[in-house]
Amino acid sequence: MNQNELDSTCGLSDDELTKRFIEAVRIENEIKKAKGTPISCYDAATNSAYLLYADGTKKYVRAN
């Protein structure tokens, strides 16, 4: 199996990198929630982007 330089990530598997990425995003979102900063999200059902605030309110973003 040939690996290029980008594939050799300190011996971590793709699954492990994915788990770490998901956890990093979760931690960042918790930090934003604690600071009261909105989190950008996407609603696949309506194909719309929105901001999620710490109090649970959503503000949908409209394109100009």
Protein backbone atom coordinates (compact mmCIF):
# COMPACT_ATOMS: atom_id res chain seq x y z
CA MET A 1 0.00 0.00 0.00
CA ASN A 2 1.47 3.33 -1.07
CA GLN A 3 1.20 6.26 1.27
CA ASN A 4 1.94 9.83 0.43
CA GLU A 5 3.21 12.40 2.90
CA LEU A 6 -0.31 13.53 3.84
CA ASP A 7 -1.40 9.95 4.59
CA SER A 8 1.36 9.41 7.13
CA THR A 9 -0.15 11.30 10.07
CA CYS A 10 1.96 10.13 12.98
CA GLY A 11 0.63 6.60 12.65
CA LEU A 12 -3.00 7.55 13.30
CA SER A 13 -5.72 5.80 11.33
CA ASP A 14 -8.38 7.70 9.40
CA ASP A 15 -10.96 6.58 11.97
CA GLU A 16 -8.85 7.94 14.83
CA LEU A 17 -8.32 11.26 13.03
CA THR A 18 -12.07 11.51 12.41
CA LYS A 19 -12.83 10.85 16.09
CA ARG A 20 -10.32 13.50 17.15
CA PHE A 21 -11.72 16.04 14.68
CA ILE A 22 -15.29 15.47 15.89
CA GLU A 23 -14.17 15.83 19.51
CA ALA A 24 -12.27 19.05 18.71
CA VAL A 25 -15.40 20.54 17.10
CA ARG A 26 -17.52 19.48 20.10
CA ILE A 27 -15.07 21.13 22.52
CA GLU A 28 -14.94 24.32 20.43
CA ASN A 29 -18.75 24.47 20.39
CA GLU A 30 -18.85 24.05 24.19
CA ILE A 31 -16.36 26.91 24.56
CA LYS A 32 -18.47 29.12 22.28
CA LYS A 33 -21.61 28.22 24.23
CA ALA A 34 -19.90 29.12 27.52
CA LYS A 35 -18.79 32.47 26.10
CA GLY A 36 -22.23 33.18 24.64
CA THR A 37 -20.91 33.20 21.09
CA PRO A 38 -23.31 31.81 18.46
CA ILE A 39 -22.43 28.56 16.70
CA SER A 40 -22.88 28.34 12.96
CA CYS A 41 -24.97 25.33 11.92
CA TYR A 42 -26.68 23.93 8.85
CA ASP A 43 -30.18 22.51 8.61
CA ALA A 44 -30.12 19.81 5.92
CA ALA A 45 -33.91 19.50 5.95
CA THR A 46 -34.41 23.12 4.85
CA ASN A 47 -30.98 23.61 3.20
CA SER A 48 -30.47 26.68 5.36
CA ALA A 49 -27.63 27.98 7.48
CA TYR A 50 -28.39 29.36 10.92
CA LEU A 51 -26.76 30.66 14.08
CA LEU A 52 -27.48 28.75 17.28
CA TYR A 53 -27.26 30.90 20.42
CA ALA A 54 -26.44 29.66 23.92
CA ASP A 55 -30.07 30.09 25.02
CA GLY A 56 -31.19 27.71 22.24
CA THR A 57 -32.61 30.28 19.84
CA LYS A 58 -31.90 29.93 16.14
CA LYS A 59 -31.45 32.77 13.70
CA TYR A 60 -31.58 31.67 10.08
CA VAL A 61 -29.12 33.37 7.74
CA ARG A 62 -30.40 34.63 4.43
CA ALA A 63 -28.25 35.17 1.36
CA ASN A 64 -28.53 38.60 -0.27
